[in-house]
Amino acid sequence: MSFKQEVVRQIVKRGHSAAEGIRTHRRVGARPVQVGQGCRSGQDREARDRLVEAKSEILRLRAQLRRTEEERDILRGFVRQSSSDGTACGR
C-alpha cells in the first residue's frame, strides 16, 4: 500500500469528512480525487455501516430522552399541583 493510499485509509477510518481529507491529502501531495475514491471504496463500507448504526442509535436515544423528559415534566406538574392543593402524594 502506498503512502497516499494509507493516508486515505486513515482519513476514512477516523471518520473525517471528504473536505478534511482533501486538505490533508494536499499537504502530502496527493490529488483530491484520490480521497473521494478512497471514501467510496469497498473497504470503507464497514466504516459507513458503523456510522449509520451510530447515527441510528443517537436518534433512538434522543427520542427516548425526549419521552423521559416529558414524563419528568408531567410528574413535576403533578407534584406542584398536589402541594398547592394541600394534598400530599400517597396519602
Protein backbone atom coordinates (compact mmCIF):
# COMPACT_ATOMS: atom_id res chain seq x y z
CA MET A 1 0.00 0.00 0.00
CA SER A 2 1.42 3.36 -0.96
CA PHE A 3 1.77 6.23 1.44
CA LYS A 4 -1.03 8.13 -0.26
CA GLN A 5 -3.37 5.12 -0.06
CA GLU A 6 -2.55 4.81 3.62
CA VAL A 7 -3.45 8.49 4.11
CA VAL A 8 -6.85 7.87 2.51
CA ARG A 9 -7.40 4.78 4.65
CA GLN A 10 -6.57 6.69 7.84
CA ILE A 11 -8.81 9.62 6.89
CA VAL A 12 -11.78 7.34 6.35
CA LYS A 13 -11.03 5.16 9.37
CA ARG A 14 -11.06 8.19 11.64
CA GLY A 15 -14.34 9.44 10.20
CA HIS A 16 -13.08 12.70 8.77
CA SER A 17 -15.11 14.44 6.11
CA ALA A 18 -14.01 14.45 2.48
CA ALA A 19 -13.13 18.15 2.81
CA GLU A 20 -10.81 17.44 5.73
CA GLY A 21 -9.35 14.55 3.79
CA ILE A 22 -8.71 16.72 0.74
CA ARG A 23 -6.88 19.30 2.86
CA THR A 24 -4.74 16.56 4.41
CA HIS A 25 -4.13 14.95 1.05
CA ARG A 26 -2.97 18.23 -0.47
CA ARG A 27 -0.43 18.60 2.32
CA VAL A 28 1.10 15.22 1.42
CA GLY A 29 0.98 15.89 -2.32
CA ALA A 30 -1.90 13.72 -3.48
CA ARG A 31 -4.78 14.62 -5.77
CA PRO A 32 -8.16 15.32 -4.12
CA VAL A 33 -9.84 12.78 -6.38
CA GLN A 34 -7.97 10.03 -4.55
CA VAL A 35 -9.74 10.96 -1.34
CA GLY A 36 -13.15 10.64 -3.00
CA GLN A 37 -12.19 7.30 -4.47
CA GLY A 38 -10.96 6.12 -1.09
CA CYS A 39 -14.18 7.20 0.58
CA ARG A 40 -16.23 5.24 -1.93
CA SER A 41 -14.15 2.08 -1.97
CA GLY A 42 -15.48 -1.23 -0.71
CA GLN A 43 -13.11 -1.41 2.24
CA ASP A 44 -14.82 1.63 3.72
CA ARG A 45 -18.33 0.19 3.63
CA GLU A 46 -17.82 -1.13 7.13
CA ALA A 47 -16.95 2.34 8.37
CA ARG A 48 -20.06 3.78 6.70
CA ASP A 49 -22.18 0.98 8.18
CA ARG A 50 -20.84 1.72 11.66
CA LEU A 51 -21.57 5.41 11.12
CA VAL A 52 -25.15 4.68 10.06
CA GLU A 53 -25.62 2.42 13.11
CA ALA A 54 -24.21 5.10 15.41
CA LYS A 55 -26.47 7.77 13.93
CA SER A 56 -29.49 5.49 14.32
CA GLU A 57 -28.57 4.85 17.94
CA ILE A 58 -28.20 8.59 18.57
CA LEU A 59 -31.66 9.24 17.10
CA ARG A 60 -33.17 6.45 19.21
CA LEU A 61 -31.53 7.77 22.37
CA ARG A 62 -32.63 11.35 21.66
CA ALA A 63 -36.24 10.16 21.26
CA GLN A 64 -36.00 8.20 24.49
CA LEU A 65 -34.56 11.22 26.28
CA ARG A 66 -37.42 13.39 24.98
CA ARG A 67 -40.00 10.91 26.30
CA THR A 68 -38.26 10.70 29.67
CA GLU A 69 -38.13 14.49 29.96
CA GLU A 70 -41.83 14.72 29.12
CA GLU A 71 -42.63 12.15 31.84
CA ARG A 72 -40.49 14.10 34.31
CA ASP A 73 -42.28 17.34 33.46
CA ILE A 74 -45.69 15.69 33.90
CA LEU A 75 -44.68 14.34 37.31
CA ARG A 76 -43.27 17.70 38.38
CA GLY A 77 -46.54 19.35 37.44
CA PHE A 78 -48.49 16.78 39.43
CA VAL A 79 -46.30 17.27 42.49
CA ARG A 80 -46.61 21.06 42.28
CA GLN A 81 -50.38 20.82 41.88
CA SER A 82 -50.66 18.39 44.80
CA SER A 83 -48.60 20.57 47.10
CA SER A 84 -50.55 23.74 46.20
CA ASP A 85 -53.87 21.95 46.83
CA GLY A 86 -52.68 20.90 50.28
CA THR A 87 -52.76 17.22 49.38
CA ALA A 88 -49.69 15.03 49.54
CA CYS A 89 -48.79 12.27 47.18
CA GLY A 90 -49.56 8.84 48.56
CA ARG A 91 -51.96 9.99 51.27
